[in-house]
Every structure is written in C-alpha cells, then in structure tokens.
Amino acid sequence: MLQKRSKTPSQTYFKHTVYGLRFLLKTEGLPYSYLHLPEIKKEKKLPVVLSKAEDWSMLKHCPLLKHRILIGLLYGCGLRCLEVRSIRLADLDFDRKNLKVVQGNRYAESR
C-alpha cells in the first residue's frame, strides 16, 4: 500500500520502512502477524560477464603493472576490493597456484 500510494516509490525507502516496522514489532514482543507486512521481493539479476577479448583489452590498457595485477585478481578470482587490498605476498602460493583470502566474506580460499 505504501508503495502504491506514492507516484514514484523508491524501493530502498520501501524496504527501510518495512524493516523498521519489523524491528518495532520485534522490540515490542508482538508477532509479525500483528501487522501484515508485505514480502520484499528480491530482483534476480545476472552478473555481466566479460568475454576473453574484453578482459584482455581491459588488461592491456592498464599503464601500470600493479593495476593489471589488481584487476586480474578482482576479476579472475572473483574477489572484492577489500579482499584484494588485504592480500600480502605471503598469501600467494605459486607452487600450488593458490591464493589465501584472509578476511573474505564468501570463501576461505579462492583459486
């Protein structure tokens, strides 16, 4: 109803309103059935995957070697920016071709 009332409802505003009401019900000890709250539908989006040619083109246009390495780790290993920033030389195992991700959110180890 809240989403339909506004002419241009923001999905984020709607989500925060529902989350706030759920938090209020929880802190007051009331069941969720006390107030009918709609389900928040999650959009299913497929990630954009670059082709090999696009990937090589992106790496070739990097002027510095460290930028190529960072982009290669981000894209090739599927790492997040924070995970790449915390990588040290000791985390790389060249013999087994492994990378140890220390404070990762998704994986304990990425190949």
N, C-alpha and C. Protein backbone atom coordinates (compact mmCIF):
# COMPACT_ATOMS: atom_id res chain seq x y z
N MET A 1 0.82 -1.19 0.00
CA MET A 1 0.00 0.00 0.00
C MET A 1 0.87 1.26 0.00
N LEU A 2 1.91 1.24 0.81
CA LEU A 2 2.82 2.39 0.87
C LEU A 2 3.49 2.62 -0.48
N GLN A 3 3.83 1.52 -1.12
CA GLN A 3 4.49 1.64 -2.41
C GLN A 3 3.53 2.15 -3.48
N LYS A 4 2.26 1.81 -3.39
CA LYS A 4 1.29 2.24 -4.39
C LYS A 4 0.82 3.67 -4.15
N ARG A 5 0.94 4.15 -2.90
CA ARG A 5 0.45 5.49 -2.57
C ARG A 5 1.30 6.59 -3.21
N SER A 6 2.58 6.37 -3.28
CA SER A 6 3.48 7.37 -3.84
C SER A 6 3.53 7.22 -5.35
N LYS A 7 3.73 8.33 -6.04
CA LYS A 7 3.81 8.29 -7.51
C LYS A 7 5.12 7.65 -7.97
N THR A 8 6.19 7.94 -7.28
CA THR A 8 7.48 7.35 -7.62
C THR A 8 8.07 6.70 -6.37
N PRO A 9 7.57 5.54 -6.00
CA PRO A 9 8.07 4.92 -4.77
C PRO A 9 9.49 4.40 -4.93
N SER A 10 10.32 4.75 -3.99
CA SER A 10 11.69 4.26 -4.00
C SER A 10 11.70 2.88 -3.36
N GLN A 11 12.34 1.93 -4.01
CA GLN A 11 12.42 0.58 -3.47
C GLN A 11 13.19 0.57 -2.16
N THR A 12 14.22 1.40 -2.07
CA THR A 12 15.02 1.47 -0.86
C THR A 12 14.21 2.05 0.30
N TYR A 13 13.45 3.10 0.04
CA TYR A 13 12.61 3.70 1.08
C TYR A 13 11.58 2.68 1.57
N PHE A 14 10.99 1.94 0.65
CA PHE A 14 10.01 0.93 1.00
C PHE A 14 10.64 -0.15 1.87
N LYS A 15 11.82 -0.62 1.49
CA LYS A 15 12.49 -1.66 2.27
C LYS A 15 12.80 -1.18 3.68
N HIS A 16 13.32 0.04 3.81
CA HIS A 16 13.67 0.56 5.13
C HIS A 16 12.43 0.75 6.00
N THR A 17 11.32 1.11 5.39
CA THR A 17 10.08 1.26 6.15
C THR A 17 9.63 -0.10 6.68
N VAL A 18 9.66 -1.12 5.85
CA VAL A 18 9.25 -2.46 6.28
C VAL A 18 10.20 -3.00 7.34
N TYR A 19 11.51 -2.81 7.13
CA TYR A 19 12.48 -3.28 8.12
C TYR A 19 12.29 -2.56 9.46
N GLY A 20 12.00 -1.28 9.41
CA GLY A 20 11.76 -0.52 10.63
C GLY A 20 10.53 -1.02 11.38
N LEU A 21 9.47 -1.30 10.63
CA LEU A 21 8.26 -1.83 11.27
C LEU A 21 8.50 -3.22 11.85
N ARG A 22 9.25 -4.04 11.16
CA ARG A 22 9.58 -5.36 11.69
C ARG A 22 10.39 -5.25 12.97
N PHE A 23 11.34 -4.31 13.00
CA PHE A 23 12.15 -4.10 14.20
C PHE A 23 11.27 -3.64 15.36
N LEU A 24 10.32 -2.74 15.08
CA LEU A 24 9.41 -2.25 16.11
C LEU A 24 8.57 -3.39 16.68
N LEU A 25 8.04 -4.24 15.81
CA LEU A 25 7.25 -5.38 16.28
C LEU A 25 8.10 -6.32 17.13
N LYS A 26 9.35 -6.53 16.72
CA LYS A 26 10.23 -7.43 17.46
C LYS A 26 10.57 -6.87 18.84
N THR A 27 10.86 -5.57 18.91
CA THR A 27 11.24 -4.98 20.20
C THR A 27 10.05 -4.89 21.14
N GLU A 28 8.83 -4.78 20.61
CA GLU A 28 7.63 -4.73 21.44
C GLU A 28 7.11 -6.12 21.79
N GLY A 29 7.73 -7.16 21.21
CA GLY A 29 7.33 -8.52 21.51
C GLY A 29 6.06 -8.95 20.81
N LEU A 30 5.69 -8.25 19.76
CA LEU A 30 4.49 -8.59 19.01
C LEU A 30 4.85 -9.51 17.85
N PRO A 31 3.96 -10.44 17.50
CA PRO A 31 4.26 -11.31 16.35
C PRO A 31 4.11 -10.54 15.04
N TYR A 32 4.78 -11.06 14.03
CA TYR A 32 4.71 -10.41 12.72
C TYR A 32 3.29 -10.41 12.17
N SER A 33 2.48 -11.37 12.61
CA SER A 33 1.10 -11.43 12.12
C SER A 33 0.24 -10.30 12.69
N TYR A 34 0.74 -9.60 13.73
CA TYR A 34 0.01 -8.48 14.32
C TYR A 34 -0.22 -7.38 13.29
N LEU A 35 0.76 -7.17 12.46
CA LEU A 35 0.68 -6.17 11.40
C LEU A 35 1.11 -6.84 10.11
N HIS A 36 0.23 -6.89 9.14
CA HIS A 36 0.55 -7.58 7.89
C HIS A 36 1.60 -6.75 7.13
N LEU A 37 2.80 -7.31 7.04
CA LEU A 37 3.88 -6.65 6.31
C LEU A 37 4.12 -7.41 5.01
N PRO A 38 4.25 -6.69 3.91
CA PRO A 38 4.47 -7.38 2.64
C PRO A 38 5.87 -7.97 2.55
N GLU A 39 5.99 -8.99 1.72
CA GLU A 39 7.30 -9.56 1.47
C GLU A 39 8.08 -8.63 0.55
N ILE A 40 9.36 -8.56 0.79
CA ILE A 40 10.21 -7.74 -0.07
C ILE A 40 10.76 -8.64 -1.15
N LYS A 41 10.39 -8.37 -2.37
CA LYS A 41 10.83 -9.20 -3.48
C LYS A 41 12.24 -8.79 -3.88
N LYS A 42 13.08 -9.79 -4.04
CA LYS A 42 14.46 -9.54 -4.43
C LYS A 42 14.55 -9.72 -5.94
N GLU A 43 15.13 -8.73 -6.60
CA GLU A 43 15.30 -8.81 -8.04
C GLU A 43 16.39 -9.82 -8.38
N LYS A 44 16.10 -10.62 -9.37
CA LYS A 44 17.08 -11.59 -9.82
C LYS A 44 17.80 -11.03 -11.03
N LYS A 45 19.06 -10.66 -10.82
CA LYS A 45 19.86 -10.11 -11.90
C LYS A 45 21.04 -11.02 -12.16
N LEU A 46 21.34 -11.22 -13.40
CA LEU A 46 22.53 -11.97 -13.75
C LEU A 46 23.71 -11.01 -13.85
N PRO A 47 24.88 -11.42 -13.39
CA PRO A 47 26.04 -10.54 -13.48
C PRO A 47 26.51 -10.38 -14.93
N VAL A 48 27.14 -9.27 -15.20
CA VAL A 48 27.72 -9.03 -16.52
C VAL A 48 29.07 -9.73 -16.56
N VAL A 49 29.22 -10.63 -17.49
CA VAL A 49 30.46 -11.39 -17.62
C VAL A 49 31.16 -10.93 -18.89
N LEU A 50 32.41 -10.54 -18.75
CA LEU A 50 33.18 -10.09 -19.90
C LEU A 50 33.69 -11.28 -20.70
N SER A 51 33.81 -11.10 -21.99
CA SER A 51 34.41 -12.13 -22.83
C SER A 51 35.92 -12.09 -22.65
N LYS A 52 36.60 -13.10 -23.16
CA LYS A 52 38.06 -13.13 -23.04
C LYS A 52 38.70 -11.94 -23.76
N ALA A 53 38.14 -11.57 -24.91
CA ALA A 53 38.69 -10.44 -25.66
C ALA A 53 38.51 -9.14 -24.88
N GLU A 54 37.36 -8.96 -24.26
CA GLU A 54 37.12 -7.75 -23.47
C GLU A 54 38.03 -7.72 -22.24
N ASP A 55 38.22 -8.88 -21.64
CA ASP A 55 39.09 -8.99 -20.47
C ASP A 55 40.53 -8.62 -20.82
N TRP A 56 41.05 -9.18 -21.92
CA TRP A 56 42.41 -8.86 -22.34
C TRP A 56 42.54 -7.41 -22.75
N SER A 57 41.52 -6.86 -23.38
CA SER A 57 41.55 -5.46 -23.78
C SER A 57 41.64 -4.55 -22.55
N MET A 58 40.88 -4.90 -21.52
CA MET A 58 40.90 -4.11 -20.29
C MET A 58 42.28 -4.18 -19.63
N LEU A 59 42.88 -5.37 -19.63
CA LEU A 59 44.19 -5.51 -19.01
C LEU A 59 45.29 -4.83 -19.82
N LYS A 60 45.18 -4.84 -21.14
CA LYS A 60 46.20 -4.21 -21.98
C LYS A 60 46.22 -2.70 -21.83
N HIS A 61 45.10 -2.10 -21.53
CA HIS A 61 45.03 -0.64 -21.44
C HIS A 61 45.42 -0.09 -20.08
N CYS A 62 45.83 -0.96 -19.15
CA CYS A 62 46.31 -0.50 -17.85
C CYS A 62 47.78 -0.10 -17.98
N PRO A 63 48.11 1.14 -17.64
CA PRO A 63 49.50 1.58 -17.81
C PRO A 63 50.47 0.96 -16.80
N LEU A 64 50.02 0.67 -15.59
CA LEU A 64 50.92 0.16 -14.56
C LEU A 64 50.67 -1.33 -14.31
N LEU A 65 51.75 -2.03 -14.01
CA LEU A 65 51.67 -3.46 -13.74
C LEU A 65 50.80 -3.75 -12.51
N LYS A 66 50.91 -2.91 -11.48
CA LYS A 66 50.13 -3.16 -10.27
C LYS A 66 48.64 -3.05 -10.54
N HIS A 67 48.24 -2.18 -11.47
CA HIS A 67 46.82 -2.08 -11.83
C HIS A 67 46.36 -3.33 -12.56
N ARG A 68 47.21 -3.87 -13.42
CA ARG A 68 46.88 -5.11 -14.12
C ARG A 68 46.71 -6.26 -13.14
N ILE A 69 47.60 -6.31 -12.16
CA ILE A 69 47.52 -7.38 -11.16
C ILE A 69 46.24 -7.24 -10.33
N LEU A 70 45.91 -6.01 -9.92
CA LEU A 70 44.69 -5.81 -9.13
C LEU A 70 43.44 -6.17 -9.91
N ILE A 71 43.38 -5.74 -11.16
CA ILE A 71 42.20 -6.06 -11.98
C ILE A 71 42.13 -7.56 -12.24
N GLY A 72 43.28 -8.18 -12.46
CA GLY A 72 43.30 -9.62 -12.67
C GLY A 72 42.83 -10.39 -11.44
N LEU A 73 43.22 -9.94 -10.25
CA LEU A 73 42.77 -10.59 -9.02
C LEU A 73 41.28 -10.33 -8.78
N LEU A 74 40.84 -9.11 -9.01
CA LEU A 74 39.43 -8.79 -8.81
C LEU A 74 38.54 -9.62 -9.71
N TYR A 75 38.87 -9.66 -10.98
CA TYR A 75 38.02 -10.32 -11.94
C TYR A 75 38.28 -11.83 -12.03
N GLY A 76 39.54 -12.20 -12.05
CA GLY A 76 39.89 -13.61 -12.22
C GLY A 76 39.56 -14.48 -11.03
N CYS A 77 39.73 -13.95 -9.82
CA CYS A 77 39.47 -14.73 -8.61
C CYS A 77 38.10 -14.42 -8.02
N GLY A 78 37.43 -13.42 -8.54
CA GLY A 78 36.12 -13.07 -8.01
C GLY A 78 36.20 -12.43 -6.64
N LEU A 79 37.24 -11.66 -6.40
CA LEU A 79 37.44 -11.04 -5.10
C LEU A 79 36.77 -9.69 -5.02
N ARG A 80 36.54 -9.25 -3.81
CA ARG A 80 36.02 -7.90 -3.56
C ARG A 80 37.21 -6.97 -3.36
N CYS A 81 36.93 -5.66 -3.44
CA CYS A 81 38.01 -4.66 -3.31
C CYS A 81 38.72 -4.79 -1.97
N LEU A 82 37.96 -4.96 -0.89
CA LEU A 82 38.58 -5.06 0.44
C LEU A 82 39.45 -6.31 0.54
N GLU A 83 39.04 -7.39 -0.10
CA GLU A 83 39.82 -8.62 -0.07
C GLU A 83 41.13 -8.45 -0.82
N VAL A 84 41.10 -7.75 -1.94
CA VAL A 84 42.32 -7.53 -2.72
C VAL A 84 43.27 -6.60 -1.97
N ARG A 85 42.71 -5.61 -1.29
CA ARG A 85 43.55 -4.66 -0.55
C ARG A 85 44.31 -5.31 0.58
N SER A 86 43.77 -6.41 1.15
CA SER A 86 44.42 -7.05 2.30
C SER A 86 45.35 -8.19 1.91
N ILE A 87 45.55 -8.43 0.60
CA ILE A 87 46.43 -9.52 0.16
C ILE A 87 47.89 -9.11 0.35
N ARG A 88 48.66 -10.06 0.91
CA ARG A 88 50.10 -9.86 1.06
C ARG A 88 50.82 -10.90 0.22
N LEU A 89 52.09 -10.73 0.03
CA LEU A 89 52.88 -11.67 -0.76
C LEU A 89 52.87 -13.06 -0.13
N ALA A 90 52.79 -13.12 1.20
CA ALA A 90 52.77 -14.41 1.89
C ALA A 90 51.47 -15.18 1.62
N ASP A 91 50.42 -14.50 1.17
CA ASP A 91 49.15 -15.16 0.89
C ASP A 91 49.14 -15.87 -0.46
N LEU A 92 50.15 -15.62 -1.29
CA LEU A 92 50.22 -16.25 -2.61
C LEU A 92 51.07 -17.52 -2.53
N ASP A 93 50.54 -18.62 -3.03
CA ASP A 93 51.27 -19.88 -3.10
C ASP A 93 51.47 -20.20 -4.58
N PHE A 94 52.65 -19.88 -5.10
CA PHE A 94 52.92 -20.03 -6.53
C PHE A 94 53.05 -21.50 -6.94
N ASP A 95 53.53 -22.35 -6.04
CA ASP A 95 53.69 -23.77 -6.37
C ASP A 95 52.34 -24.45 -6.61
N ARG A 96 51.38 -24.20 -5.73
CA ARG A 96 50.05 -24.82 -5.87
C ARG A 96 49.07 -23.94 -6.63
N LYS A 97 49.51 -22.75 -7.04
CA LYS A 97 48.67 -21.77 -7.73
C LYS A 97 47.41 -21.46 -6.92
N ASN A 98 47.66 -21.11 -5.65
CA ASN A 98 46.59 -20.80 -4.71
C ASN A 98 46.74 -19.40 -4.17
N LEU A 99 45.62 -18.83 -3.77
CA LEU A 99 45.60 -17.52 -3.12
C LEU A 99 44.81 -17.66 -1.85
N LYS A 100 45.40 -17.28 -0.74
CA LYS A 100 44.72 -17.36 0.55
C LYS A 100 44.04 -16.02 0.82
N VAL A 101 42.72 -16.05 0.93
CA VAL A 101 41.95 -14.83 1.24
C VAL A 101 41.72 -14.82 2.74
N VAL A 102 42.31 -13.83 3.42
CA VAL A 102 42.33 -13.83 4.87
C VAL A 102 41.00 -13.39 5.46
N GLN A 103 40.49 -12.25 5.07
CA GLN A 103 39.24 -11.74 5.65
C GLN A 103 38.17 -11.68 4.57
N GLY A 104 37.91 -12.78 3.94
CA GLY A 104 36.93 -12.81 2.86
C GLY A 104 35.53 -13.01 3.39
N ASN A 105 34.55 -12.57 2.62
CA ASN A 105 33.16 -12.73 3.01
C ASN A 105 32.55 -14.00 2.43
N ARG A 106 33.04 -14.43 1.27
CA ARG A 106 32.40 -15.56 0.60
C ARG A 106 33.16 -16.86 0.74
N TYR A 107 34.47 -16.82 0.57
CA TYR A 107 35.24 -18.05 0.51
C TYR A 107 36.40 -17.99 1.49
N ALA A 108 36.82 -19.13 1.93
CA ALA A 108 38.01 -19.17 2.76
C ALA A 108 39.24 -19.21 1.88
N GLU A 109 39.09 -19.77 0.68
CA GLU A 109 40.21 -19.87 -0.22
C GLU A 109 39.68 -19.75 -1.65
N SER A 110 40.39 -19.02 -2.48
CA SER A 110 39.96 -18.83 -3.86
C SER A 110 41.07 -19.28 -4.79
N ARG A 111 40.71 -19.93 -5.87
CA ARG A 111 41.73 -20.39 -6.82
C ARG A 111 41.72 -19.56 -8.05
